[in-house]
C-alpha cells in the first residue's frame, strides 16, 4: 500500500533541493513561468577575453543544467498536486499500479517499468 505521507515528504524534499539548485543558476521568468540561466557575477569591473569566454562557458553550462532540472521539478510539482487523486501511483499509459519499488526510488514516476520509455 502507498504511504502517501512518506511520498509527500520525499517529493517536497526533492522539490526544495531542485528549487535551490535552480535559484543558484538562474531566475524564474514571471512572464513565461520558465527558468532562465543568469551569468555568474563578476568580482571585478574589467574583464579580458579569457574571462568573458569563461563566463560564457559557465552560462552555457547553467543553461544546460536548467534544461535538465526544470522538467524534473515540473514532474515533482505535478506529483505533489496529484498525490491525493485516485490516479496517483497508476501508469499514465496502461492505468495499472506503478511498481512499489519504482515509486520508492522515484515518487514522481508517471509510468510503470513496462512503459518507462514511452
Protein backbone atom coordinates (compact mmCIF):
# COMPACT_ATOMS: atom_id res chain seq x y z
CA UNK A 1 0.00 0.00 0.00
CA UNK A 2 1.21 3.51 -0.83
CA UNK A 3 2.45 5.54 2.12
CA UNK A 4 1.37 8.92 0.73
CA UNK A 5 2.74 10.81 3.74
CA UNK A 6 6.22 9.38 3.14
CA UNK A 7 5.94 10.01 -0.61
CA UNK A 8 4.84 13.60 0.01
CA UNK A 9 7.82 14.22 2.30
CA UNK A 10 10.21 12.81 -0.29
CA UNK A 11 8.65 14.87 -3.08
CA UNK A 12 8.77 18.06 -1.01
CA UNK A 13 12.40 17.47 -0.11
CA UNK A 14 13.36 16.96 -3.75
CA UNK A 15 11.29 19.99 -4.79
CA UNK A 16 13.13 22.16 -2.29
CA UNK A 17 16.52 20.83 -3.43
CA UNK A 18 15.69 21.45 -7.10
CA UNK A 19 14.42 24.97 -6.38
CA UNK A 20 17.66 25.76 -4.54
CA UNK A 21 19.77 24.47 -7.42
CA UNK A 22 17.71 26.37 -9.97
CA UNK A 23 17.96 29.60 -7.95
CA UNK A 24 21.75 29.18 -7.84
CA UNK A 25 21.88 29.03 -11.65
CA UNK A 26 19.14 31.35 -12.77
CA UNK A 27 15.84 33.01 -12.13
CA UNK A 28 12.20 32.25 -12.81
CA UNK A 29 10.76 34.43 -15.55
CA UNK A 30 7.35 35.52 -14.22
CA UNK A 31 6.01 36.14 -17.72
CA UNK A 32 6.79 32.69 -19.14
CA UNK A 33 6.94 30.65 -15.93
CA UNK A 34 10.23 29.16 -17.14
CA UNK A 35 13.67 29.20 -15.55
CA UNK A 36 16.37 31.19 -17.31
CA UNK A 37 20.09 30.97 -16.69
CA UNK A 38 21.85 34.03 -15.37
CA UNK A 39 25.54 34.75 -15.90
CA UNK A 40 27.92 34.44 -12.99
CA UNK A 41 28.56 37.68 -11.13
CA UNK A 42 31.88 39.36 -11.85
CA UNK A 43 34.03 40.32 -8.87
CA UNK A 44 35.97 42.92 -10.82
CA UNK A 45 34.90 45.71 -13.18
CA UNK A 46 37.12 44.90 -16.19
CA UNK A 47 37.28 41.57 -17.98
CA UNK A 48 39.60 40.30 -20.64
CA UNK A 49 38.64 37.91 -23.45
CA UNK A 50 39.54 34.85 -21.37
CA UNK A 51 37.29 35.99 -18.52
CA UNK A 52 34.46 36.62 -20.95
CA UNK A 53 34.95 33.20 -22.56
CA UNK A 54 34.91 31.53 -19.15
CA UNK A 55 31.77 33.44 -18.24
CA UNK A 56 30.09 32.37 -21.50
CA UNK A 57 31.02 28.71 -20.88
CA UNK A 58 29.61 28.94 -17.37
CA UNK A 59 26.41 30.47 -18.72
CA UNK A 60 26.08 27.64 -21.26
CA UNK A 61 26.59 25.05 -18.50
CA UNK A 62 23.96 26.76 -16.36
CA UNK A 63 21.53 26.80 -19.29
CA UNK A 64 22.11 23.10 -19.89
CA UNK A 65 21.54 22.22 -16.23
CA UNK A 66 18.34 24.26 -16.11
CA UNK A 67 17.07 22.34 -19.16
CA UNK A 68 17.65 19.14 -17.16
CA UNK A 69 16.36 20.27 -13.76
CA UNK A 70 13.26 22.20 -14.84
CA UNK A 71 11.37 19.19 -16.29
CA UNK A 72 12.22 17.20 -13.15
CA UNK A 73 10.84 20.00 -10.99
CA UNK A 74 7.69 20.09 -13.11
CA UNK A 75 7.22 16.32 -12.63
CA UNK A 76 7.66 16.74 -8.86
CA UNK A 77 5.11 19.58 -8.76
CA UNK A 78 2.66 17.55 -10.83
CA UNK A 79 3.08 14.57 -8.50
CA UNK A 80 2.51 16.75 -5.42
CA UNK A 81 -0.60 18.23 -6.98
CA UNK A 82 -1.99 14.80 -7.89
CA UNK A 83 -0.94 12.99 -4.72
CA UNK A 84 -4.47 12.82 -3.31
CA UNK A 85 -6.11 11.82 -6.57
CA UNK A 86 -7.20 8.25 -7.12
CA UNK A 87 -4.99 8.08 -10.22
CA UNK A 88 -1.77 8.70 -8.25
CA UNK A 89 0.56 5.72 -8.48
CA UNK A 90 -1.10 4.49 -11.67
CA UNK A 91 0.67 4.28 -15.02
CA UNK A 92 -0.50 7.05 -17.32
CA UNK A 93 -0.45 4.62 -20.25
CA UNK A 94 -1.86 1.29 -19.07
CA UNK A 95 -3.57 2.58 -15.88
CA UNK A 96 -2.10 -0.28 -13.81
CA UNK A 97 -0.34 0.29 -10.49
CA UNK A 98 3.23 1.53 -10.78
CA UNK A 99 5.61 -0.87 -9.05
CA UNK A 100 6.20 0.00 -5.37
CA UNK A 101 9.98 -0.20 -5.74
CA UNK A 102 9.82 2.25 -8.65
CA UNK A 103 7.72 4.70 -6.62
CA UNK A 104 10.10 4.37 -3.67
CA UNK A 105 13.03 5.37 -5.90
CA UNK A 106 11.09 7.92 -7.96
CA UNK A 107 7.87 9.03 -6.29
CA UNK A 108 7.15 11.30 -9.27
CA UNK A 109 7.12 8.33 -11.67
CA UNK A 110 4.26 8.59 -14.13
CA UNK A 111 4.58 5.19 -15.79
CA UNK A 112 5.25 1.59 -14.84
CA UNK A 113 8.55 -0.03 -15.82
CA UNK A 114 6.98 -1.50 -18.95
CA UNK A 115 6.13 1.96 -20.26
CA UNK A 116 9.24 3.74 -18.94
CA UNK A 117 10.45 4.77 -22.41
CA UNK A 118 7.02 5.82 -23.67
